[in-house]
Amino acid sequence: MVNVSRETFFREFGIDEKKIEKLKLYEYELIKELEIQQIISKNDKSLIWNRHILDSLVTMFHVKHYNIKALDDIGSGGGFPGIVLAVVSEKTQVRMFERKVKKCKFLNRVKSFLELDNAVVTCADYFEKQNPSQYAVSRAVFGKIEKNKVYKKIAENGLFFNYSNEKKTFSNMKEVEKIEYTLPGEAKSRFLFTYSRCQR
C-alpha cells in the first residue's frame, strides 16, 4: 500500500520548484476553465492537488521503472494524467488524445502557456489511431466495447496502465502489476493496474 503525499513524489521524482510552479499555474488554469466548461467536477475545485495532480503522479512510478520515452494518454479530458506527466517528466513525449474540441483547445492553451514541448495534443478518438501504443495510460472509465478496443490498440509487447477504484477491470488482458494506494483525505484504496496483451 502506497500512501500518496506531495513530499513523497517531490523527493522520489525530483520535482523541483520550477515544476511545482508549473503545476500550480496548471491548477489555476483549471479553476478558470471551470467557468467556461466542466473540465473537472466543480466539487473538486478545492481538491485539484490531492484528487487529480497527485493521483496522476502515480503513473510516474512506471515512467521511471520502464524508462518510458513516449506515452499515450487515452481520453485526456482536462489533462489528467497527460499534462501533469509532461510537466514532471520532460524527457517523455506525452501524446494526449481527446475527442471534445473545447477540451482540446484548453489542452493546447495550457501546453503553450506552460511551454510543454514534450506534449502533443491530438483532437481525435484514440481508437481511430493507426499505430498501436507501446505504452498507454488512462483514468477514463471504459465500457465493455471500449475495453475490447483498448486491447487491440496496445502493441503485442506493450503495456497499458489503467486507473481504477475496482480490484480488476480488464479481464481480456493479463495483469502484470498493481499499485494500491490512498490519496490524502481518503480512506478507500485506489488502484493503478498494469496490463499486457498476453492472454492468461
Foldseek 3Di string as FASTA:
>chain_A
DAAFDPVVLCVVQVCDPLLVVLVVVLLVLQLVCVVVPCLDPPVCNVVCVFPFLRVLSVCVVVCVVVVAAEEEEAACRQNRPNVSCLSRPVNHQYEYEHQDPVSLVSVVVSCVVSVRPSYHYDNRHPLPDDAADQEYEYADDDDPVVLVSNLVRHDQNHKYKYKALDPDDRQQWDWDDKDWYDTPPDDRIIIITITHSDHD
